Amino acid sequence: MQAVKESARQVVDSMPDQCTWDDLLYELYVRQKIDQGLDDLENGRMIPHEEVRRMMLTP
């Protein structure tokens, strides 16, 4: 996984010049959540779709 600093630079560089602080913070938040999900997946911290479906449908 990329270093946090480098990921943050990529997000900042991809933003338009007229973006707001809120726009930037939202993009950083989304990137963090995606990276966290990918890390969870790589480390086996997940629940298979069918199991979640079963949990949601079982009273």
PDB file of N, CA and C in Angstrom:
ATOM      1  N   MET A   1       0.843  -1.180   0.000  1.00  0.00           N
ATOM      2  CA  MET A   1       0.000   0.000   0.000  1.00  0.00           C
ATOM      3  C   MET A   1       0.888   1.243   0.000  1.00  0.00           C
ATOM      4  N   GLN A   2       0.442   2.262  -0.702  1.00  0.00           N
ATOM      5  CA  GLN A   2       1.220   3.494  -0.803  1.00  0.00           C
ATOM      6  C   GLN A   2       1.303   4.205   0.543  1.00  0.00           C
ATOM      7  N   ALA A   3       2.345   4.993   0.686  1.00  0.00           N
ATOM      8  CA  ALA A   3       2.473   5.812   1.877  1.00  0.00           C
ATOM      9  C   ALA A   3       1.344   6.840   1.897  1.00  0.00           C
ATOM     10  N   VAL A   4       0.875   7.161   3.075  1.00  0.00           N
ATOM     11  CA  VAL A   4      -0.244   8.099   3.235  1.00  0.00           C
ATOM     12  C   VAL A   4       0.086   9.442   2.597  1.00  0.00           C
ATOM     13  N   LYS A   5       1.288   9.913   2.797  1.00  0.00           N
ATOM     14  CA  LYS A   5       1.684  11.210   2.261  1.00  0.00           C
ATOM     15  C   LYS A   5       1.595  11.249   0.736  1.00  0.00           C
ATOM     16  N   GLU A   6       2.046  10.179   0.101  1.00  0.00           N
ATOM     17  CA  GLU A   6       2.003  10.121  -1.359  1.00  0.00           C
ATOM     18  C   GLU A   6       0.558  10.027  -1.854  1.00  0.00           C
ATOM     19  N   SER A   7      -0.260   9.247  -1.171  1.00  0.00           N
ATOM     20  CA  SER A   7      -1.676   9.156  -1.538  1.00  0.00           C
ATOM     21  C   SER A   7      -2.358  10.515  -1.413  1.00  0.00           C
ATOM     22  N   ALA A   8      -2.045  11.231  -0.345  1.00  0.00           N
ATOM     23  CA  ALA A   8      -2.635  12.560  -0.140  1.00  0.00           C
ATOM     24  C   ALA A   8      -2.200  13.520  -1.251  1.00  0.00           C
ATOM     25  N   ARG A   9      -0.952  13.440  -1.653  1.00  0.00           N
ATOM     26  CA  ARG A   9      -0.469  14.289  -2.753  1.00  0.00           C
ATOM     27  C   ARG A   9      -1.233  14.003  -4.039  1.00  0.00           C
ATOM     28  N   GLN A  10      -1.463  12.721  -4.306  1.00  0.00           N
ATOM     29  CA  GLN A  10      -2.191  12.350  -5.520  1.00  0.00           C
ATOM     30  C   GLN A  10      -3.611  12.898  -5.494  1.00  0.00           C
ATOM     31  N   VAL A  11      -4.255  12.825  -4.336  1.00  0.00           N
ATOM     32  CA  VAL A  11      -5.614  13.365  -4.218  1.00  0.00           C
ATOM     33  C   VAL A  11      -5.593  14.864  -4.454  1.00  0.00           C
ATOM     34  N   VAL A  12      -4.671  15.573  -3.803  1.00  0.00           N
ATOM     35  CA  VAL A  12      -4.579  17.028  -3.956  1.00  0.00           C
ATOM     36  C   VAL A  12      -4.307  17.387  -5.410  1.00  0.00           C
ATOM     37  N   ASP A  13      -3.380  16.693  -6.044  1.00  0.00           N
ATOM     38  CA  ASP A  13      -3.038  16.990  -7.436  1.00  0.00           C
ATOM     39  C   ASP A  13      -4.193  16.715  -8.399  1.00  0.00           C
ATOM     40  N   SER A  14      -5.077  15.792  -8.029  1.00  0.00           N
ATOM     41  CA  SER A  14      -6.197  15.455  -8.923  1.00  0.00           C
ATOM     42  C   SER A  14      -7.377  16.418  -8.785  1.00  0.00           C
ATOM     43  N   MET A  15      -7.355  17.255  -7.755  1.00  0.00           N
ATOM     44  CA  MET A  15      -8.475  18.171  -7.509  1.00  0.00           C
ATOM     45  C   MET A  15      -8.364  19.401  -8.414  1.00  0.00           C
ATOM     46  N   PRO A  16      -9.511  19.952  -8.818  1.00  0.00           N
ATOM     47  CA  PRO A  16      -9.472  21.181  -9.617  1.00  0.00           C
ATOM     48  C   PRO A  16      -8.968  22.356  -8.769  1.00  0.00           C
ATOM     49  N   ASP A  17      -8.423  23.377  -9.419  1.00  0.00           N
ATOM     50  CA  ASP A  17      -7.864  24.525  -8.702  1.00  0.00           C
ATOM     51  C   ASP A  17      -8.902  25.254  -7.855  1.00  0.00           C
ATOM     52  N   GLN A  18     -10.152  25.224  -8.262  1.00  0.00           N
ATOM     53  CA  GLN A  18     -11.185  25.959  -7.542  1.00  0.00           C
ATOM     54  C   GLN A  18     -11.892  25.120  -6.469  1.00  0.00           C
ATOM     55  N   CYS A  19     -11.325  23.984  -6.076  1.00  0.00           N
ATOM     56  CA  CYS A  19     -11.973  23.148  -5.062  1.00  0.00           C
ATOM     57  C   CYS A  19     -11.949  23.843  -3.700  1.00  0.00           C
ATOM     58  N   THR A  20     -12.873  23.428  -2.850  1.00  0.00           N
ATOM     59  CA  THR A  20     -12.950  23.982  -1.497  1.00  0.00           C
ATOM     60  C   THR A  20     -12.260  23.028  -0.529  1.00  0.00           C
ATOM     61  N   TRP A  21     -12.068  23.502   0.690  1.00  0.00           N
ATOM     62  CA  TRP A  21     -11.523  22.630   1.728  1.00  0.00           C
ATOM     63  C   TRP A  21     -12.446  21.437   1.946  1.00  0.00           C
ATOM     64  N   ASP A  22     -13.757  21.687   1.910  1.00  0.00           N
ATOM     65  CA  ASP A  22     -14.716  20.597   2.093  1.00  0.00           C
ATOM     66  C   ASP A  22     -14.578  19.552   0.991  1.00  0.00           C
ATOM     67  N   ASP A  23     -14.393  19.999  -0.254  1.00  0.00           N
ATOM     68  CA  ASP A  23     -14.181  19.067  -1.364  1.00  0.00           C
ATOM     69  C   ASP A  23     -12.949  18.205  -1.119  1.00  0.00           C
ATOM     70  N   LEU A  24     -11.874  18.855  -0.723  1.00  0.00           N
ATOM     71  CA  LEU A  24     -10.621  18.138  -0.491  1.00  0.00           C
ATOM     72  C   LEU A  24     -10.753  17.152   0.664  1.00  0.00           C
ATOM     73  N   LEU A  25     -11.335  17.592   1.761  1.00  0.00           N
ATOM     74  CA  LEU A  25     -11.495  16.708   2.918  1.00  0.00           C
ATOM     75  C   LEU A  25     -12.379  15.512   2.586  1.00  0.00           C
ATOM     76  N   TYR A  26     -13.424  15.734   1.790  1.00  0.00           N
ATOM     77  CA  TYR A  26     -14.289  14.628   1.379  1.00  0.00           C
ATOM     78  C   TYR A  26     -13.501  13.617   0.557  1.00  0.00           C
ATOM     79  N   GLU A  27     -12.732  14.087  -0.405  1.00  0.00           N
ATOM     80  CA  GLU A  27     -11.944  13.176  -1.250  1.00  0.00           C
ATOM     81  C   GLU A  27     -10.922  12.398  -0.427  1.00  0.00           C
ATOM     82  N   LEU A  28     -10.287  13.054   0.539  1.00  0.00           N
ATOM     83  CA  LEU A  28      -9.330  12.352   1.403  1.00  0.00           C
ATOM     84  C   LEU A  28     -10.038  11.304   2.258  1.00  0.00           C
ATOM     85  N   TYR A  29     -11.232  11.640   2.754  1.00  0.00           N
ATOM     86  CA  TYR A  29     -12.014  10.703   3.554  1.00  0.00           C
ATOM     87  C   TYR A  29     -12.381   9.469   2.722  1.00  0.00           C
ATOM     88  N   VAL A  30     -12.856   9.691   1.506  1.00  0.00           N
ATOM     89  CA  VAL A  30     -13.241   8.579   0.636  1.00  0.00           C
ATOM     90  C   VAL A  30     -12.030   7.701   0.340  1.00  0.00           C
ATOM     91  N   ARG A  31     -10.906   8.326   0.037  1.00  0.00           N
ATOM     92  CA  ARG A  31      -9.671   7.568  -0.250  1.00  0.00           C
ATOM     93  C   ARG A  31      -9.270   6.723   0.958  1.00  0.00           C
ATOM     94  N   GLN A  32      -9.366   7.309   2.157  1.00  0.00           N
ATOM     95  CA  GLN A  32      -9.022   6.579   3.378  1.00  0.00           C
ATOM     96  C   GLN A  32      -9.925   5.359   3.551  1.00  0.00           C
ATOM     97  N   LYS A  33     -11.219   5.536   3.337  1.00  0.00           N
ATOM     98  CA  LYS A  33     -12.158   4.434   3.507  1.00  0.00           C
ATOM     99  C   LYS A  33     -11.929   3.332   2.474  1.00  0.00           C
ATOM    100  N   ILE A  34     -11.616   3.706   1.255  1.00  0.00           N
ATOM    101  CA  ILE A  34     -11.314   2.706   0.221  1.00  0.00           C
ATOM    102  C   ILE A  34     -10.057   1.932   0.587  1.00  0.00           C
ATOM    103  N   ASP A  35      -9.004   2.648   0.988  1.00  0.00           N
ATOM    104  CA  ASP A  35      -7.755   1.983   1.386  1.00  0.00           C
ATOM    105  C   ASP A  35      -7.983   1.056   2.579  1.00  0.00           C
ATOM    106  N   GLN A  36      -8.800   1.494   3.530  1.00  0.00           N
ATOM    107  CA  GLN A  36      -9.101   0.683   4.702  1.00  0.00           C
ATOM    108  C   GLN A  36      -9.850  -0.588   4.295  1.00  0.00           C
ATOM    109  N   GLY A  37     -10.796  -0.464   3.375  1.00  0.00           N
ATOM    110  CA  GLY A  37     -11.528  -1.626   2.892  1.00  0.00           C
ATOM    111  C   GLY A  37     -10.634  -2.610   2.155  1.00  0.00           C
ATOM    112  N   LEU A  38      -9.727  -2.097   1.333  1.00  0.00           N
ATOM    113  CA  LEU A  38      -8.792  -2.970   0.620  1.00  0.00           C
ATOM    114  C   LEU A  38      -7.866  -3.686   1.594  1.00  0.00           C
ATOM    115  N   ASP A  39      -7.432  -2.982   2.625  1.00  0.00           N
ATOM    116  CA  ASP A  39      -6.582  -3.596   3.651  1.00  0.00           C
ATOM    117  C   ASP A  39      -7.348  -4.695   4.396  1.00  0.00           C
ATOM    118  N   ASP A  40      -8.595  -4.416   4.729  1.00  0.00           N
ATOM    119  CA  ASP A  40      -9.425  -5.425   5.391  1.00  0.00           C
ATOM    120  C   ASP A  40      -9.567  -6.660   4.510  1.00  0.00           C
ATOM    121  N   LEU A  41      -9.792  -6.454   3.228  1.00  0.00           N
ATOM    122  CA  LEU A  41      -9.935  -7.562   2.289  1.00  0.00           C
ATOM    123  C   LEU A  41      -8.652  -8.390   2.220  1.00  0.00           C
ATOM    124  N   GLU A  42      -7.512  -7.717   2.106  1.00  0.00           N
ATOM    125  CA  GLU A  42      -6.222  -8.414   2.027  1.00  0.00           C
ATOM    126  C   GLU A  42      -5.927  -9.219   3.281  1.00  0.00           C
ATOM    127  N   ASN A  43      -6.416  -8.755   4.429  1.00  0.00           N
ATOM    128  CA  ASN A  43      -6.109  -9.406   5.702  1.00  0.00           C
ATOM    129  C   ASN A  43      -7.241 -10.290   6.214  1.00  0.00           C
ATOM    130  N   GLY A  44      -8.201 -10.582   5.347  1.00  0.00           N
ATOM    131  CA  GLY A  44      -9.253 -11.527   5.706  1.00  0.00           C
ATOM    132  C   GLY A  44     -10.296 -10.996   6.673  1.00  0.00           C
ATOM    133  N   ARG A  45     -10.350  -9.688   6.863  1.00  0.00           N
ATOM    134  CA  ARG A  45     -11.345  -9.101   7.763  1.00  0.00           C
ATOM    135  C   ARG A  45     -12.572  -8.708   6.940  1.00  0.00           C
ATOM    136  N   MET A  46     -13.342  -9.733   6.582  1.00  0.00           N
ATOM    137  CA  MET A  46     -14.520  -9.483   5.763  1.00  0.00           C
ATOM    138  C   MET A  46     -15.563 -10.543   6.063  1.00  0.00           C
ATOM    139  N   ILE A  47     -16.780 -10.257   5.668  1.00  0.00           N
ATOM    140  CA  ILE A  47     -17.872 -11.215   5.780  1.00  0.00           C
ATOM    141  C   ILE A  47     -18.377 -11.447   4.359  1.00  0.00           C
ATOM    142  N   PRO A  48     -18.432 -12.696   3.917  1.00  0.00           N
ATOM    143  CA  PRO A  48     -18.905 -12.980   2.563  1.00  0.00           C
ATOM    144  C   PRO A  48     -20.326 -12.447   2.337  1.00  0.00           C
ATOM    145  N   HIS A  49     -20.599 -12.058   1.114  1.00  0.00           N
ATOM    146  CA  HIS A  49     -21.876 -11.470   0.738  1.00  0.00           C
ATOM    147  C   HIS A  49     -23.052 -12.354   1.148  1.00  0.00           C
ATOM    148  N   GLU A  50     -22.956 -13.634   0.879  1.00  0.00           N
ATOM    149  CA  GLU A  50     -24.058 -14.549   1.198  1.00  0.00           C
ATOM    150  C   GLU A  50     -24.322 -14.602   2.703  1.00  0.00           C
ATOM    151  N   GLU A  51     -23.276 -14.531   3.507  1.00  0.00           N
ATOM    152  CA  GLU A  51     -23.464 -14.555   4.962  1.00  0.00           C
ATOM    153  C   GLU A  51     -24.154 -13.275   5.435  1.00  0.00           C
ATOM    154  N   VAL A  52     -23.772 -12.147   4.893  1.00  0.00           N
ATOM    155  CA  VAL A  52     -24.425 -10.883   5.238  1.00  0.00           C
ATOM    156  C   VAL A  52     -25.888 -10.929   4.826  1.00  0.00           C
ATOM    157  N   ARG A  53     -26.130 -11.429   3.644  1.00  0.00           N
ATOM    158  CA  ARG A  53     -27.505 -11.554   3.151  1.00  0.00           C
ATOM    159  C   ARG A  53     -28.345 -12.428   4.082  1.00  0.00           C
ATOM    160  N   ARG A  54     -27.770 -13.550   4.495  1.00  0.00           N
ATOM    161  CA  ARG A  54     -28.462 -14.450   5.418  1.00  0.00           C
ATOM    162  C   ARG A  54     -28.740 -13.767   6.758  1.00  0.00           C
ATOM    163  N   MET A  55     -27.762 -13.002   7.248  1.00  0.00           N
ATOM    164  CA  MET A  55     -27.933 -12.280   8.526  1.00  0.00           C
ATOM    165  C   MET A  55     -29.039 -11.233   8.407  1.00  0.00           C
ATOM    166  N   MET A  56     -29.124 -10.564   7.272  1.00  0.00           N
ATOM    167  CA  MET A  56     -30.113  -9.513   7.080  1.00  0.00           C
ATOM    168  C   MET A  56     -31.524 -10.077   6.915  1.00  0.00           C
ATOM    169  N   LEU A  57     -31.644 -11.268   6.358  1.00  0.00           N
ATOM    170  CA  LEU A  57     -32.946 -11.853   6.079  1.00  0.00           C
ATOM    171  C   LEU A  57     -33.476 -12.734   7.212  1.00  0.00           C
ATOM    172  N   THR A  58     -32.592 -13.086   8.155  1.00  0.00           N
ATOM    173  CA  THR A  58     -33.012 -13.924   9.266  1.00  0.00           C
ATOM    174  C   THR A  58     -33.532 -13.040  10.402  1.00  0.00           C
ATOM    175  N   PRO A  59     -34.802 -13.301  10.817  1.00  0.00           N
ATOM    176  CA  PRO A  59     -35.368 -12.467  11.904  1.00  0.00           C
ATOM    177  C   PRO A  59     -34.734 -12.735  13.244  1.00  0.00           C
TER     178      PRO A  59
END
